[in-house]
Amino acid sequence: MEREDEVTPCVAYPEVCEFNEICPTREVWDRLTELIKETLSQVTLADLAQKYQERLTTRKA
């Protein structure tokens, strides 16, 4: 896992936060990071381009 993919610095660099082990929002950020990565892994640029073309066609009709 690359650190640049994290949602917040505390997820990317937990060692720099003095509250890391007791932070109540840390689990939320961890889960959000995983959900974003999972979602993005299921979409390709080709998928997005296709949807864009479909919407352009529908919009012109």
C-alpha atoms as a PDB file:
ATOM      1  CA  MET A   1       0.000   0.000   0.000  1.00  0.00           C
ATOM      2  CA  GLU A   2       1.396   3.344  -1.000  1.00  0.00           C
ATOM      3  CA  ARG A   3       1.116   6.130   1.487  1.00  0.00           C
ATOM      4  CA  GLU A   4       0.063   8.681  -1.129  1.00  0.00           C
ATOM      5  CA  ASP A   5      -3.207   6.767  -1.517  1.00  0.00           C
ATOM      6  CA  GLU A   6      -4.392   7.502   1.999  1.00  0.00           C
ATOM      7  CA  VAL A   7      -7.247   9.887   2.728  1.00  0.00           C
ATOM      8  CA  THR A   8      -5.543  11.706   5.585  1.00  0.00           C
ATOM      9  CA  PRO A   9      -1.971  12.148   6.792  1.00  0.00           C
ATOM     10  CA  CYS A  10      -2.755  10.274  10.002  1.00  0.00           C
ATOM     11  CA  VAL A  11      -3.621   7.168   7.994  1.00  0.00           C
ATOM     12  CA  ALA A  12      -0.561   7.549   5.786  1.00  0.00           C
ATOM     13  CA  TYR A  13       1.812   8.351   8.645  1.00  0.00           C
ATOM     14  CA  PRO A  14       0.302   7.085  11.906  1.00  0.00           C
ATOM     15  CA  GLU A  15       3.647   7.310  13.659  1.00  0.00           C
ATOM     16  CA  VAL A  16       3.584  11.110  13.541  1.00  0.00           C
ATOM     17  CA  CYS A  17       0.341  11.474  15.461  1.00  0.00           C
ATOM     18  CA  GLU A  18       0.591  11.334  19.221  1.00  0.00           C
ATOM     19  CA  PHE A  19      -3.099  10.358  19.446  1.00  0.00           C
ATOM     20  CA  ASN A  20      -2.962   7.569  16.872  1.00  0.00           C
ATOM     21  CA  GLU A  21      -3.734   4.735  19.284  1.00  0.00           C
ATOM     22  CA  ILE A  22      -6.644   6.476  21.014  1.00  0.00           C
ATOM     23  CA  CYS A  23      -8.120   8.514  18.168  1.00  0.00           C
ATOM     24  CA  PRO A  24     -11.822   7.726  17.740  1.00  0.00           C
ATOM     25  CA  THR A  25     -11.865   8.832  14.095  1.00  0.00           C
ATOM     26  CA  ARG A  26      -8.876   6.783  12.993  1.00  0.00           C
ATOM     27  CA  GLU A  27     -10.984   3.695  12.284  1.00  0.00           C
ATOM     28  CA  VAL A  28     -13.359   5.819  10.210  1.00  0.00           C
ATOM     29  CA  TRP A  29     -10.484   7.184   8.102  1.00  0.00           C
ATOM     30  CA  ASP A  30      -8.998   3.709   7.691  1.00  0.00           C
ATOM     31  CA  ARG A  31     -12.325   2.301   6.509  1.00  0.00           C
ATOM     32  CA  LEU A  32     -12.996   5.260   4.226  1.00  0.00           C
ATOM     33  CA  THR A  33      -9.565   4.849   2.649  1.00  0.00           C
ATOM     34  CA  GLU A  34     -10.263   1.172   1.964  1.00  0.00           C
ATOM     35  CA  LEU A  35     -13.700   1.896   0.488  1.00  0.00           C
ATOM     36  CA  ILE A  36     -12.291   4.546  -1.831  1.00  0.00           C
ATOM     37  CA  LYS A  37      -9.522   2.223  -3.006  1.00  0.00           C
ATOM     38  CA  GLU A  38     -12.001  -0.613  -3.528  1.00  0.00           C
ATOM     39  CA  THR A  39     -14.353   1.608  -5.514  1.00  0.00           C
ATOM     40  CA  LEU A  40     -11.586   3.041  -7.681  1.00  0.00           C
ATOM     41  CA  SER A  41     -10.185  -0.419  -8.387  1.00  0.00           C
ATOM     42  CA  GLN A  42     -13.515  -1.349  -9.977  1.00  0.00           C
ATOM     43  CA  VAL A  43     -13.576   1.560 -12.445  1.00  0.00           C
ATOM     44  CA  THR A  44     -11.389   2.090 -15.475  1.00  0.00           C
ATOM     45  CA  LEU A  45     -10.813   5.188 -17.567  1.00  0.00           C
ATOM     46  CA  ALA A  46     -12.459   3.301 -20.417  1.00  0.00           C
ATOM     47  CA  ASP A  47     -15.581   2.854 -18.251  1.00  0.00           C
ATOM     48  CA  LEU A  48     -15.691   6.565 -17.503  1.00  0.00           C
ATOM     49  CA  ALA A  49     -15.132   7.510 -21.135  1.00  0.00           C
ATOM     50  CA  GLN A  50     -17.926   5.189 -22.226  1.00  0.00           C
ATOM     51  CA  LYS A  51     -20.361   6.629 -19.687  1.00  0.00           C
ATOM     52  CA  TYR A  52     -19.423  10.131 -20.770  1.00  0.00           C
ATOM     53  CA  GLN A  53     -20.080   9.320 -24.424  1.00  0.00           C
ATOM     54  CA  GLU A  54     -23.407   7.692 -23.547  1.00  0.00           C
ATOM     55  CA  ARG A  55     -24.488  10.746 -21.591  1.00  0.00           C
ATOM     56  CA  LEU A  56     -23.408  13.094 -24.357  1.00  0.00           C
ATOM     57  CA  THR A  57     -25.447  11.092 -26.855  1.00  0.00           C
ATOM     58  CA  THR A  58     -28.485  11.062 -24.564  1.00  0.00           C
ATOM     59  CA  ARG A  59     -28.167  14.767 -23.899  1.00  0.00           C
ATOM     60  CA  LYS A  60     -28.074  15.647 -27.610  1.00  0.00           C
ATOM     61  CA  ALA A  61     -31.154  13.556 -28.368  1.00  0.00           C
END
